[in-house]
Amino acid sequence: MKVGLIGAGLQGRRRAQALKQSNDKLNVVVDVVNDQATLLADLIGCEATNDWEKMVSREDIEAVIICTPPHLHMSMCLESLKNGKHVICEKPLATNPEDAREVVSMAAKKGLILKCGFNHRHHPGIQQARAWFDQGIIGELYFIRCRYGIGGRPGYDKEWRSDPVISGGGQLMDQGMHVIDLFRWFAGEFSEVVGFVSTYFWEVKPLEDNAFALLRTSKGQVASLHVSWTQWRNLFSFEIFGRDGYIIVDGLGGGYGTEKATLSRRAFLEPFKEEIVEFRGEDISWVKEWQEFRTAIKEKRQPLGNGYDGLEAVRLAYAIYESAQKGCVVKLHA
C-alpha cells in the first residue's frame, strides 16, 4: 500500500517501522515540526512535508495513519475520508462522542475502512487470552479486572496531555481507552457504569491522573478498571474470571515486564495448576495491527478494533466522567 503518515513522534516512528516490516510503502511523513518530519522521512527513505491537507488529497496515497494529539484527530480523519483514503487513527478516535460519531458516519458514507489504534488487541498475551476464552475453557464470564498505569516523568504535567483542549481527558482518555476497548472485546456491550476520577499528584486539574470505574453488562457481568499516572512502577494486569477458571495477562514487554498469559481451571479437590506462556522479544503488536488493517481493506471487511469500537470507547469514557461528576450510576443506551 501507498501510505501517508501524519505525526512523526514516538507513535509515528512505531507505525513507520511497522510499515517497513510489512513491505508497504510510506510515501510521505507529515509533521508541523519540519526537522522531525525530515528525520523520520530520511530514516525510512521517503518525502517529508508540513502540509497534511495537501498530503491527504494526493492521488498516490491510499491510506493515512494519524499519530497526532487527540484534538486533531476528527478534522484529519474527516478530510482523509472525504478524499477517499482509508484511515488508521490513534486512540482516542476523537475527544468527544459526537465528533467520533461523525467520523464513523463519514467512513460508512464513503465505504472506507476506519480503524482506531487499539494495538493491545494484537499483543500476543491478549491474543492467547482471547484464544483460550473463545475455546470456552473458563466457561461463562463472571468478571474482568484491569490495572494499567505508569509513573510519568519529570515535567509530565507540562506536556500536551495536561491540556484538556488537546487531550480531551486525563489518564482515562489515555491508557484507559485500551482498557475499555479490551473490556468490550471480551464482555460485549455495557448497560451501566459508575466511576471516580482523582488528581493526586500531577498538576493537571481539571484532568485526572487516576480513574476508577465499574462497568456492568445487562447479564450482570462486571468489569473493574483502574488506570493511573501514579503507578510509580509500570504495570499492566488484565484478569478474566469465569465459571470454570481464569485467564490473566501480565506485562506488555519493555518497561512493563515480560508479557505472559496464564490459564487455570477451577478444581476444588485437585492440586492447583497453572499453564503459563511467556512472550519474549520485541513488541509485534504494531506490525500485527497494521497487517490486520491492510488485510481488512483487501477483504473489504471491518478490521479488529474498528471505528465503531473507537466511538464506543469514547462514549463509555464520557459515561464514566458523567458518573464521577454527578455521583451516580449512569445508564447506557444503544
C-alpha atoms as a PDB file:
ATOM      1  CA  MET A   1       0.000   0.000   0.000  1.00  0.00           C
ATOM      2  CA  LYS A   2       0.995   3.613  -0.524  1.00  0.00           C
ATOM      3  CA  VAL A   3       0.686   5.387   2.787  1.00  0.00           C
ATOM      4  CA  GLY A   4       0.879   8.875   4.272  1.00  0.00           C
ATOM      5  CA  LEU A   5       1.758   9.340   7.940  1.00  0.00           C
ATOM      6  CA  ILE A   6       0.754  12.392   9.979  1.00  0.00           C
ATOM      7  CA  GLY A   7       2.798  12.860  13.151  1.00  0.00           C
ATOM      8  CA  ALA A   8       6.479  11.960  13.419  1.00  0.00           C
ATOM      9  CA  GLY A   9       6.672  11.489  17.187  1.00  0.00           C
ATOM     10  CA  LEU A  10       7.023   8.209  19.090  1.00  0.00           C
ATOM     11  CA  GLN A  11       3.803   6.677  17.761  1.00  0.00           C
ATOM     12  CA  GLY A  12       4.598   7.829  14.238  1.00  0.00           C
ATOM     13  CA  ARG A  13       8.004   6.162  14.405  1.00  0.00           C
ATOM     14  CA  ARG A  14       6.421   2.926  15.620  1.00  0.00           C
ATOM     15  CA  ARG A  15       3.886   2.986  12.811  1.00  0.00           C
ATOM     16  CA  ALA A  16       6.550   3.767  10.214  1.00  0.00           C
ATOM     17  CA  GLN A  17       8.660   0.813  11.319  1.00  0.00           C
ATOM     18  CA  ALA A  18       5.602  -1.459  11.202  1.00  0.00           C
ATOM     19  CA  LEU A  19       5.015  -0.394   7.595  1.00  0.00           C
ATOM     20  CA  LYS A  20       8.623  -1.065   6.717  1.00  0.00           C
ATOM     21  CA  GLN A  21       8.488  -4.552   8.223  1.00  0.00           C
ATOM     22  CA  SER A  22       5.269  -5.249   6.289  1.00  0.00           C
ATOM     23  CA  ASN A  23       6.793  -4.187   2.943  1.00  0.00           C
ATOM     24  CA  ASP A  24       4.282  -1.389   2.418  1.00  0.00           C
ATOM     25  CA  LYS A  25       5.417   1.964   1.082  1.00  0.00           C
ATOM     26  CA  LEU A  26       5.419   5.049   3.258  1.00  0.00           C
ATOM     27  CA  ASN A  27       5.346   7.832   0.668  1.00  0.00           C
ATOM     28  CA  VAL A  28       5.086  10.904   2.893  1.00  0.00           C
ATOM     29  CA  VAL A  29       5.732  11.862   6.515  1.00  0.00           C
ATOM     30  CA  VAL A  30       3.942  14.975   7.769  1.00  0.00           C
ATOM     31  CA  ASP A  31       4.742  16.951  10.894  1.00  0.00           C
ATOM     32  CA  VAL A  32       4.412  20.624  11.816  1.00  0.00           C
ATOM     33  CA  VAL A  33       7.990  20.382  13.068  1.00  0.00           C
ATOM     34  CA  ASN A  34       9.914  20.182   9.814  1.00  0.00           C
ATOM     35  CA  ASP A  35      13.065  18.737  11.363  1.00  0.00           C
ATOM     36  CA  GLN A  36      11.102  15.940  12.990  1.00  0.00           C
ATOM     37  CA  ALA A  37       9.345  15.034   9.732  1.00  0.00           C
ATOM     38  CA  THR A  38      12.649  15.117   7.841  1.00  0.00           C
ATOM     39  CA  LEU A  39      14.411  12.955  10.416  1.00  0.00           C
ATOM     40  CA  LEU A  40      11.842  10.162  10.145  1.00  0.00           C
ATOM     41  CA  ALA A  41      11.496  10.529   6.372  1.00  0.00           C
ATOM     42  CA  ASP A  42      15.264  10.189   5.927  1.00  0.00           C
ATOM     43  CA  LEU A  43      15.266   7.089   8.107  1.00  0.00           C
ATOM     44  CA  ILE A  44      12.522   5.449   6.045  1.00  0.00           C
ATOM     45  CA  GLY A  45      13.535   6.898   2.694  1.00  0.00           C
ATOM     46  CA  CYS A  46      10.510   8.976   1.733  1.00  0.00           C
ATOM     47  CA  GLU A  47       9.252  12.542   1.342  1.00  0.00           C
ATOM     48  CA  ALA A  48       8.722  14.974   4.246  1.00  0.00           C
ATOM     49  CA  THR A  49       6.288  17.874   4.442  1.00  0.00           C
ATOM     50  CA  ASN A  50       4.373  20.007   6.959  1.00  0.00           C
ATOM     51  CA  ASP A  51       1.151  20.238   4.895  1.00  0.00           C
ATOM     52  CA  TRP A  52      -1.172  17.400   5.930  1.00  0.00           C
ATOM     53  CA  GLU A  53      -4.189  18.723   3.994  1.00  0.00           C
ATOM     54  CA  LYS A  54      -2.276  18.619   0.743  1.00  0.00           C
ATOM     55  CA  MET A  55      -0.955  15.144   1.534  1.00  0.00           C
ATOM     56  CA  VAL A  56      -4.390  13.570   2.132  1.00  0.00           C
ATOM     57  CA  SER A  57      -5.605  14.877  -1.237  1.00  0.00           C
ATOM     58  CA  ARG A  58      -2.775  13.286  -3.227  1.00  0.00           C
ATOM     59  CA  GLU A  59      -3.615  10.509  -5.680  1.00  0.00           C
ATOM     60  CA  ASP A  60      -0.523   8.489  -4.766  1.00  0.00           C
ATOM     61  CA  ILE A  61      -1.807   7.981  -1.208  1.00  0.00           C
ATOM     62  CA  GLU A  62      -4.212   5.098  -0.497  1.00  0.00           C
ATOM     63  CA  ALA A  63      -4.250   5.141   3.306  1.00  0.00           C
ATOM     64  CA  VAL A  64      -3.481   7.658   6.040  1.00  0.00           C
ATOM     65  CA  ILE A  65      -2.100   6.969   9.508  1.00  0.00           C
ATOM     66  CA  ILE A  66      -2.880   9.672  12.082  1.00  0.00           C
ATOM     67  CA  CYS A  67      -0.491   9.894  15.056  1.00  0.00           C
ATOM     68  CA  THR A  68      -1.149  13.416  16.305  1.00  0.00           C
ATOM     69  CA  PRO A  69      -2.517  14.721  19.623  1.00  0.00           C
ATOM     70  CA  PRO A  70      -6.244  13.891  20.005  1.00  0.00           C
ATOM     71  CA  HIS A  71      -7.721  17.338  19.296  1.00  0.00           C
ATOM     72  CA  LEU A  72      -6.598  16.993  15.666  1.00  0.00           C
ATOM     73  CA  HIS A  73      -7.999  13.523  15.076  1.00  0.00           C
ATOM     74  CA  MET A  74     -11.505  14.488  13.969  1.00  0.00           C
ATOM     75  CA  SER A  75     -10.516  17.048  11.324  1.00  0.00           C
ATOM     76  CA  MET A  76      -7.717  14.883   9.934  1.00  0.00           C
ATOM     77  CA  CYS A  77      -9.900  11.769   9.820  1.00  0.00           C
ATOM     78  CA  LEU A  78     -12.755  13.590   8.097  1.00  0.00           C
ATOM     79  CA  GLU A  79     -10.544  15.235   5.490  1.00  0.00           C
ATOM     80  CA  SER A  80      -8.749  11.966   4.751  1.00  0.00           C
ATOM     81  CA  LEU A  81     -12.030  10.079   4.378  1.00  0.00           C
ATOM     82  CA  LYS A  82     -13.546  12.808   2.210  1.00  0.00           C
ATOM     83  CA  ASN A  83     -10.553  12.370  -0.100  1.00  0.00           C
ATOM     84  CA  GLY A  84     -11.163   8.636  -0.375  1.00  0.00           C
ATOM     85  CA  LYS A  85      -8.399   7.424   1.944  1.00  0.00           C
ATOM     86  CA  HIS A  86      -8.625   4.524   4.360  1.00  0.00           C
ATOM     87  CA  VAL A  87      -7.646   5.662   7.860  1.00  0.00           C
ATOM     88  CA  ILE A  88      -5.999   4.242  10.941  1.00  0.00           C
ATOM     89  CA  CYS A  89      -6.140   6.788  13.768  1.00  0.00           C
ATOM     90  CA  GLU A  90      -4.518   6.609  17.173  1.00  0.00           C
ATOM     91  CA  LYS A  91      -6.816   6.449  20.174  1.00  0.00           C
ATOM     92  CA  PRO A  92      -8.936   8.213  21.199  1.00  0.00           C
ATOM     93  CA  LEU A  93     -10.756   8.406  17.887  1.00  0.00           C
ATOM     94  CA  ALA A  94     -11.926  11.895  18.894  1.00  0.00           C
ATOM     95  CA  THR A  95     -12.081  13.984  22.061  1.00  0.00           C
ATOM     96  CA  ASN A  96     -15.848  13.532  22.476  1.00  0.00           C
ATOM     97  CA  PRO A  97     -18.549  11.067  21.347  1.00  0.00           C
ATOM     98  CA  GLU A  98     -20.228  13.475  18.932  1.00  0.00           C
ATOM     99  CA  ASP A  99     -17.043  14.037  16.929  1.00  0.00           C
ATOM    100  CA  ALA A 100     -16.231  10.321  16.975  1.00  0.00           C
ATOM    101  CA  ARG A 101     -19.712   9.510  15.668  1.00  0.00           C
ATOM    102  CA  GLU A 102     -19.268  11.975  12.809  1.00  0.00           C
ATOM    103  CA  VAL A 103     -16.000  10.311  11.799  1.00  0.00           C
ATOM    104  CA  VAL A 104     -17.578   6.840  11.871  1.00  0.00           C
ATOM    105  CA  SER A 105     -20.529   8.087   9.800  1.00  0.00           C
ATOM    106  CA  MET A 106     -18.209   9.581   7.192  1.00  0.00           C
ATOM    107  CA  ALA A 107     -16.302   6.305   6.818  1.00  0.00           C
ATOM    108  CA  ALA A 108     -19.562   4.431   6.319  1.00  0.00           C
ATOM    109  CA  LYS A 109     -20.827   7.010   3.814  1.00  0.00           C
ATOM    110  CA  LYS A 110     -17.629   6.747   1.784  1.00  0.00           C
ATOM    111  CA  GLY A 111     -17.370   2.957   2.075  1.00  0.00           C
ATOM    112  CA  LEU A 112     -13.860   3.219   3.519  1.00  0.00           C
ATOM    113  CA  ILE A 113     -12.048   1.322   6.253  1.00  0.00           C
ATOM    114  CA  LEU A 114     -11.583   3.202   9.508  1.00  0.00           C
ATOM    115  CA  LYS A 115      -9.545   1.657  12.305  1.00  0.00           C
ATOM    116  CA  CYS A 116      -8.844   3.008  15.773  1.00  0.00           C
ATOM    117  CA  GLY A 117      -5.337   2.419  17.136  1.00  0.00           C
ATOM    118  CA  PHE A 118      -6.053  -0.373  19.615  1.00  0.00           C
ATOM    119  CA  ASN A 119      -2.769  -2.246  19.294  1.00  0.00           C
ATOM    120  CA  HIS A 120      -3.325  -4.020  22.625  1.00  0.00           C
ATOM    121  CA  ARG A 121      -5.727  -6.399  20.868  1.00  0.00           C
ATOM    122  CA  HIS A 122      -2.703  -7.570  18.898  1.00  0.00           C
ATOM    123  CA  HIS A 123      -0.353  -8.190  21.814  1.00  0.00           C
ATOM    124  CA  PRO A 124       0.442 -11.932  21.903  1.00  0.00           C
ATOM    125  CA  GLY A 125      -0.632 -12.275  25.530  1.00  0.00           C
ATOM    126  CA  ILE A 126      -4.037 -10.772  24.795  1.00  0.00           C
ATOM    127  CA  GLN A 127      -4.309 -12.875  21.632  1.00  0.00           C
ATOM    128  CA  GLN A 128      -3.593 -16.011  23.676  1.00  0.00           C
ATOM    129  CA  ALA A 129      -6.168 -14.959  26.258  1.00  0.00           C
ATOM    130  CA  ARG A 130      -8.735 -14.471  23.511  1.00  0.00           C
ATOM    131  CA  ALA A 131      -7.979 -17.919  22.050  1.00  0.00           C
ATOM    132  CA  TRP A 132      -8.478 -19.608  25.446  1.00  0.00           C
ATOM    133  CA  PHE A 133     -11.606 -17.537  26.056  1.00  0.00           C
ATOM    134  CA  ASP A 134     -13.108 -18.451  22.672  1.00  0.00           C
ATOM    135  CA  GLN A 135     -12.455 -22.132  23.348  1.00  0.00           C
ATOM    136  CA  GLY A 136     -14.740 -21.852  26.376  1.00  0.00           C
ATOM    137  CA  ILE A 137     -12.096 -23.180  28.753  1.00  0.00           C
ATOM    138  CA  ILE A 138     -13.076 -20.865  31.625  1.00  0.00           C
ATOM    139  CA  GLY A 139     -16.801 -21.150  30.925  1.00  0.00           C
ATOM    140  CA  GLU A 140     -19.310 -18.363  31.370  1.00  0.00           C
ATOM    141  CA  LEU A 141     -17.712 -14.973  32.021  1.00  0.00           C
ATOM    142  CA  TYR A 142     -18.212 -13.618  35.547  1.00  0.00           C
ATOM    143  CA  PHE A 143     -15.979 -10.559  35.838  1.00  0.00           C
ATOM    144  CA  ILE A 144     -12.905  -8.776  34.459  1.00  0.00           C
ATOM    145  CA  ARG A 145     -10.309  -6.678  36.275  1.00  0.00           C
ATOM    146  CA  CYS A 146      -7.665  -4.435  34.767  1.00  0.00           C
ATOM    147  CA  ARG A 147      -4.966  -2.293  36.343  1.00  0.00           C
ATOM    148  CA  TYR A 148      -2.865  -0.250  33.952  1.00  0.00           C
ATOM    149  CA  GLY A 149      -0.516   2.538  34.871  1.00  0.00           C
ATOM    150  CA  ILE A 150       2.734   4.438  34.571  1.00  0.00           C
ATOM    151  CA  GLY A 151       4.654   6.828  36.789  1.00  0.00           C
ATOM    152  CA  GLY A 152       5.145   9.651  34.343  1.00  0.00           C
ATOM    153  CA  ARG A 153       8.452  11.522  34.184  1.00  0.00           C
ATOM    154  CA  PRO A 154       9.771  14.912  35.261  1.00  0.00           C
ATOM    155  CA  GLY A 155       7.709  17.593  33.530  1.00  0.00           C
ATOM    156  CA  TYR A 156       4.908  15.168  32.584  1.00  0.00           C
ATOM    157  CA  ASP A 157       2.343  17.723  33.718  1.00  0.00           C
ATOM    158  CA  LYS A 158       3.780  20.258  31.262  1.00  0.00           C
ATOM    159  CA  GLU A 159       3.300  18.065  28.188  1.00  0.00           C
ATOM    160  CA  TRP A 160       0.316  18.257  25.813  1.00  0.00           C
ATOM    161  CA  ARG A 161      -1.524  15.588  27.817  1.00  0.00           C
ATOM    162  CA  SER A 162      -2.098  18.149  30.570  1.00  0.00           C
ATOM    163  CA  ASP A 163      -4.095  20.458  28.264  1.00  0.00           C
ATOM    164  CA  PRO A 164      -7.793  19.416  28.284  1.00  0.00           C
ATOM    165  CA  VAL A 165      -8.428  21.096  24.924  1.00  0.00           C
ATOM    166  CA  ILE A 166      -5.729  18.971  23.290  1.00  0.00           C
ATOM    167  CA  SER A 167      -6.156  15.678  25.162  1.00  0.00           C
ATOM    168  CA  GLY A 168      -9.906  15.576  25.767  1.00  0.00           C
ATOM    169  CA  GLY A 169      -9.300  13.988  29.161  1.00  0.00           C
ATOM    170  CA  GLY A 170      -6.671  12.620  31.512  1.00  0.00           C
ATOM    171  CA  GLN A 171      -5.475   9.062  32.066  1.00  0.00           C
ATOM    172  CA  LEU A 172      -8.930   7.652  31.275  1.00  0.00           C
ATOM    173  CA  MET A 173      -8.677   9.038  27.728  1.00  0.00           C
ATOM    174  CA  ASP A 174      -5.070   7.855  27.511  1.00  0.00           C
ATOM    175  CA  GLN A 175      -4.338   4.282  28.635  1.00  0.00           C
ATOM    176  CA  GLY A 176      -7.953   3.958  29.753  1.00  0.00           C
ATOM    177  CA  MET A 177      -9.014   3.760  26.099  1.00  0.00           C
ATOM    178  CA  HIS A 178      -7.144   0.469  25.704  1.00  0.00           C
ATOM    179  CA  VAL A 179      -8.711  -0.970  28.854  1.00  0.00           C
ATOM    180  CA  ILE A 180     -12.259  -0.027  27.861  1.00  0.00           C
ATOM    181  CA  ASP A 181     -11.721  -1.482  24.403  1.00  0.00           C
ATOM    182  CA  LEU A 182     -10.467  -4.782  25.826  1.00  0.00           C
ATOM    183  CA  PHE A 183     -13.441  -4.908  28.204  1.00  0.00           C
ATOM    184  CA  ARG A 184     -15.827  -4.591  25.259  1.00  0.00           C
ATOM    185  CA  TRP A 185     -13.900  -7.159  23.228  1.00  0.00           C
ATOM    186  CA  PHE A 186     -14.333  -9.805  25.930  1.00  0.00           C
ATOM    187  CA  ALA A 187     -17.607  -8.845  27.614  1.00  0.00           C
ATOM    188  CA  GLY A 188     -19.575  -7.119  24.865  1.00  0.00           C
ATOM    189  CA  GLU A 189     -21.685  -4.046  25.467  1.00  0.00           C
ATOM    190  CA  PHE A 190     -22.220  -2.493  28.891  1.00  0.00           C
ATOM    191  CA  SER A 191     -25.514  -1.202  30.239  1.00  0.00           C
ATOM    192  CA  GLU A 192     -24.356   0.905  33.193  1.00  0.00           C
ATOM    193  CA  VAL A 193     -21.217   2.416  34.697  1.00  0.00           C
ATOM    194  CA  VAL A 194     -20.090   4.079  37.894  1.00  0.00           C
ATOM    195  CA  GLY A 195     -16.823   5.950  38.096  1.00  0.00           C
ATOM    196  CA  PHE A 196     -14.486   8.093  40.184  1.00  0.00           C
ATOM    197  CA  VAL A 197     -11.648  10.309  38.982  1.00  0.00           C
ATOM    198  CA  SER A 198      -8.895  11.848  41.091  1.00  0.00           C
ATOM    199  CA  THR A 199      -5.945  14.179  40.661  1.00  0.00           C
ATOM    200  CA  TYR A 200      -3.483  13.068  43.305  1.00  0.00           C
ATOM    201  CA  PHE A 201      -0.002  14.141  42.275  1.00  0.00           C
ATOM    202  CA  TRP A 202       0.300  15.753  38.854  1.00  0.00           C
ATOM    203  CA  GLU A 203      -0.747  19.378  38.423  1.00  0.00           C
ATOM    204  CA  VAL A 204      -3.204  18.625  35.623  1.00  0.00           C
ATOM    205  CA  LYS A 205      -6.597  19.694  37.008  1.00  0.00           C
ATOM    206  CA  PRO A 206      -9.313  19.595  35.749  1.00  0.00           C
ATOM    207  CA  LEU A 207      -7.851  16.398  34.265  1.00  0.00           C
ATOM    208  CA  GLU A 208      -7.382  13.242  36.285  1.00  0.00           C
ATOM    209  CA  ASP A 209      -4.204  11.301  36.966  1.00  0.00           C
ATOM    210  CA  ASN A 210      -6.226   8.325  38.248  1.00  0.00           C
ATOM    211  CA  ALA A 211      -9.563   6.875  37.150  1.00  0.00           C
ATOM    212  CA  PHE A 212     -11.596   4.091  38.756  1.00  0.00           C
ATOM    213  CA  ALA A 213     -14.716   2.524  37.290  1.00  0.00           C
ATOM    214  CA  LEU A 214     -17.107  -0.406  37.386  1.00  0.00           C
ATOM    215  CA  LEU A 215     -18.915  -1.311  34.184  1.00  0.00           C
ATOM    216  CA  ARG A 216     -21.769  -3.848  34.144  1.00  0.00           C
ATOM    217  CA  THR A 217     -23.442  -5.700  31.285  1.00  0.00           C
ATOM    218  CA  SER A 218     -27.154  -6.464  31.131  1.00  0.00           C
ATOM    219  CA  LYS A 219     -26.228 -10.032  32.196  1.00  0.00           C
ATOM    220  CA  GLY A 220     -24.628  -8.751  35.399  1.00  0.00           C
ATOM    221  CA  GLN A 221     -21.007  -9.273  34.349  1.00  0.00           C
ATOM    222  CA  VAL A 222     -18.758  -6.622  35.915  1.00  0.00           C
ATOM    223  CA  ALA A 223     -15.525  -5.088  34.639  1.00  0.00           C
ATOM    224  CA  SER A 224     -13.301  -3.201  37.091  1.00  0.00           C
ATOM    225  CA  LEU A 225     -10.910  -0.518  35.818  1.00  0.00           C
ATOM    226  CA  HIS A 226      -8.096   1.387  37.464  1.00  0.00           C
ATOM    227  CA  VAL A 227      -5.778   3.438  35.256  1.00  0.00           C
ATOM    228  CA  SER A 228      -3.092   5.583  36.814  1.00  0.00           C
ATOM    229  CA  TRP A 229      -0.342   8.123  36.242  1.00  0.00           C
ATOM    230  CA  THR A 230       0.863   7.488  39.799  1.00  0.00           C
ATOM    231  CA  GLN A 231       1.695   3.810  39.299  1.00  0.00           C
ATOM    232  CA  TRP A 232       5.327   4.502  40.134  1.00  0.00           C
ATOM    233  CA  ARG A 233       6.398   1.209  38.584  1.00  0.00           C
ATOM    234  CA  ASN A 234       4.778   0.463  35.209  1.00  0.00           C
ATOM    235  CA  LEU A 235       2.028  -2.132  35.436  1.00  0.00           C
ATOM    236  CA  PHE A 236      -0.348  -3.964  33.110  1.00  0.00           C
ATOM    237  CA  SER A 237      -2.590  -6.647  34.594  1.00  0.00           C
ATOM    238  CA  PHE A 238      -5.687  -7.959  32.785  1.00  0.00           C
ATOM    239  CA  GLU A 239      -7.706 -10.678  34.530  1.00  0.00           C
ATOM    240  CA  ILE A 240     -10.697 -12.633  33.222  1.00  0.00           C
ATOM    241  CA  PHE A 241     -12.648 -14.884  35.610  1.00  0.00           C
ATOM    242  CA  GLY A 242     -15.317 -17.368  34.586  1.00  0.00           C
ATOM    243  CA  ARG A 243     -17.346 -20.220  35.999  1.00  0.00           C
ATOM    244  CA  ASP A 244     -14.623 -22.797  35.286  1.00  0.00           C
ATOM    245  CA  GLY A 245     -11.364 -20.906  35.701  1.00  0.00           C
ATOM    246  CA  TYR A 246      -9.426 -17.757  34.952  1.00  0.00           C
ATOM    247  CA  ILE A 247      -7.066 -16.125  32.460  1.00  0.00           C
ATOM    248  CA  ILE A 248      -4.515 -13.470  33.403  1.00  0.00           C
ATOM    249  CA  VAL A 249      -2.290 -11.375  31.134  1.00  0.00           C
ATOM    250  CA  ASP A 250       0.624  -9.620  32.846  1.00  0.00           C
ATOM    251  CA  GLY A 251       3.159  -7.273  31.292  1.00  0.00           C
ATOM    252  CA  LEU A 252       3.491  -5.809  27.824  1.00  0.00           C
ATOM    253  CA  GLY A 253       7.212  -6.251  27.426  1.00  0.00           C
ATOM    254  CA  GLY A 254       9.716  -3.434  27.845  1.00  0.00           C
ATOM    255  CA  GLY A 255       9.156  -1.363  30.965  1.00  0.00           C
ATOM    256  CA  TYR A 256       6.036  -3.366  31.817  1.00  0.00           C
ATOM    257  CA  GLY A 257       7.950  -6.609  32.251  1.00  0.00           C
ATOM    258  CA  THR A 258       7.825  -9.879  30.355  1.00  0.00           C
ATOM    259  CA  GLU A 259       4.459 -10.415  28.718  1.00  0.00           C
ATOM    260  CA  LYS A 260       2.810 -13.633  29.836  1.00  0.00           C
ATOM    261  CA  ALA A 261      -0.590 -15.291  29.716  1.00  0.00           C
ATOM    262  CA  THR A 262      -1.769 -17.597  32.490  1.00  0.00           C
ATOM    263  CA  LEU A 263      -4.620 -20.114  32.388  1.00  0.00           C
ATOM    264  CA  SER A 264      -6.011 -22.068  35.322  1.00  0.00           C
ATOM    265  CA  ARG A 265      -9.125 -24.175  35.762  1.00  0.00           C
ATOM    266  CA  ARG A 266     -11.425 -24.413  38.755  1.00  0.00           C
ATOM    267  CA  ALA A 267     -10.582 -27.639  40.587  1.00  0.00           C
ATOM    268  CA  PHE A 268     -11.581 -27.706  44.269  1.00  0.00           C
ATOM    269  CA  LEU A 269     -10.039 -31.055  45.209  1.00  0.00           C
ATOM    270  CA  GLU A 270      -7.120 -31.328  42.784  1.00  0.00           C
ATOM    271  CA  PRO A 271      -3.581 -29.928  43.037  1.00  0.00           C
ATOM    272  CA  PHE A 272      -3.507 -26.293  41.924  1.00  0.00           C
ATOM    273  CA  LYS A 273      -2.092 -25.962  38.389  1.00  0.00           C
ATOM    274  CA  GLU A 274      -1.461 -23.047  36.037  1.00  0.00           C
ATOM    275  CA  GLU A 275      -0.492 -23.039  32.385  1.00  0.00           C
ATOM    276  CA  ILE A 276       1.849 -20.097  31.738  1.00  0.00           C
ATOM    277  CA  VAL A 277       3.006 -18.888  28.347  1.00  0.00           C
ATOM    278  CA  GLU A 278       5.716 -16.207  28.184  1.00  0.00           C
ATOM    279  CA  PHE A 279       6.234 -13.998  25.140  1.00  0.00           C
ATOM    280  CA  ARG A 280       9.699 -12.586  24.620  1.00  0.00           C
ATOM    281  CA  GLY A 281      11.338 -10.350  22.060  1.00  0.00           C
ATOM    282  CA  GLU A 282      10.257  -7.074  20.501  1.00  0.00           C
ATOM    283  CA  ASP A 283       6.725  -5.685  20.555  1.00  0.00           C
ATOM    284  CA  ILE A 284       4.988  -7.174  17.499  1.00  0.00           C
ATOM    285  CA  SER A 285       1.590  -5.575  18.138  1.00  0.00           C
ATOM    286  CA  TRP A 286       2.223  -2.612  15.818  1.00  0.00           C
ATOM    287  CA  VAL A 287       3.087  -4.847  12.871  1.00  0.00           C
ATOM    288  CA  LYS A 288       0.165  -7.188  13.571  1.00  0.00           C
ATOM    289  CA  GLU A 289      -2.248  -4.260  13.826  1.00  0.00           C
ATOM    290  CA  TRP A 290      -1.073  -2.772  10.540  1.00  0.00           C
ATOM    291  CA  GLN A 291      -1.380  -6.150   8.811  1.00  0.00           C
ATOM    292  CA  GLU A 292      -4.924  -6.534  10.134  1.00  0.00           C
ATOM    293  CA  PHE A 293      -5.817  -3.084   8.777  1.00  0.00           C
ATOM    294  CA  ARG A 294      -4.286  -3.832   5.388  1.00  0.00           C
ATOM    295  CA  THR A 295      -6.000  -7.237   5.171  1.00  0.00           C
ATOM    296  CA  ALA A 296      -9.364  -5.732   6.114  1.00  0.00           C
ATOM    297  CA  ILE A 297      -9.027  -3.253   3.242  1.00  0.00           C
ATOM    298  CA  LYS A 298      -8.158  -6.047   0.822  1.00  0.00           C
ATOM    299  CA  GLU A 299     -11.035  -8.238   2.014  1.00  0.00           C
ATOM    300  CA  LYS A 300     -13.466  -5.313   2.259  1.00  0.00           C
ATOM    301  CA  ARG A 301     -14.443  -6.094   5.840  1.00  0.00           C
ATOM    302  CA  GLN A 302     -14.340  -4.333   9.172  1.00  0.00           C
ATOM    303  CA  PRO A 303     -10.984  -4.633  10.967  1.00  0.00           C
ATOM    304  CA  LEU A 304     -10.443  -5.763  14.529  1.00  0.00           C
ATOM    305  CA  GLY A 305     -10.785  -2.592  16.598  1.00  0.00           C
ATOM    306  CA  ASN A 306     -12.720  -0.602  14.012  1.00  0.00           C
ATOM    307  CA  GLY A 307     -14.112   2.909  14.011  1.00  0.00           C
ATOM    308  CA  TYR A 308     -17.247   1.858  15.881  1.00  0.00           C
ATOM    309  CA  ASP A 309     -15.067   0.350  18.626  1.00  0.00           C
ATOM    310  CA  GLY A 310     -13.260   3.681  18.830  1.00  0.00           C
ATOM    311  CA  LEU A 311     -16.575   5.515  19.143  1.00  0.00           C
ATOM    312  CA  GLU A 312     -17.861   3.208  21.873  1.00  0.00           C
ATOM    313  CA  ALA A 313     -14.651   3.537  23.894  1.00  0.00           C
ATOM    314  CA  VAL A 314     -15.023   7.324  23.915  1.00  0.00           C
ATOM    315  CA  ARG A 315     -18.727   7.019  24.744  1.00  0.00           C
ATOM    316  CA  LEU A 316     -18.003   4.788  27.731  1.00  0.00           C
ATOM    317  CA  ALA A 317     -15.242   7.107  28.960  1.00  0.00           C
ATOM    318  CA  TYR A 318     -17.681  10.007  28.850  1.00  0.00           C
ATOM    319  CA  ALA A 319     -20.226   7.961  30.807  1.00  0.00           C
ATOM    320  CA  ILE A 320     -17.563   7.336  33.472  1.00  0.00           C
ATOM    321  CA  TYR A 321     -16.800  11.067  33.603  1.00  0.00           C
ATOM    322  CA  GLU A 322     -20.515  11.814  33.914  1.00  0.00           C
ATOM    323  CA  SER A 323     -20.857   9.329  36.778  1.00  0.00           C
ATOM    324  CA  ALA A 324     -17.867  10.845  38.581  1.00  0.00           C
ATOM    325  CA  GLN A 325     -19.246  14.362  38.173  1.00  0.00           C
ATOM    326  CA  LYS A 326     -22.814  13.582  39.223  1.00  0.00           C
ATOM    327  CA  GLY A 327     -22.020  10.924  41.818  1.00  0.00           C
ATOM    328  CA  CYS A 328     -24.440   8.373  40.403  1.00  0.00           C
ATOM    329  CA  VAL A 329     -24.740   5.286  38.246  1.00  0.00           C
ATOM    330  CA  VAL A 330     -25.055   6.179  34.563  1.00  0.00           C
ATOM    331  CA  LYS A 331     -27.325   4.030  32.419  1.00  0.00           C
ATOM    332  CA  LEU A 332     -26.202   3.480  28.845  1.00  0.00           C
ATOM    333  CA  HIS A 333     -28.437   3.318  25.817  1.00  0.00           C
ATOM    334  CA  ALA A 334     -27.716   1.820  22.406  1.00  0.00           C
END
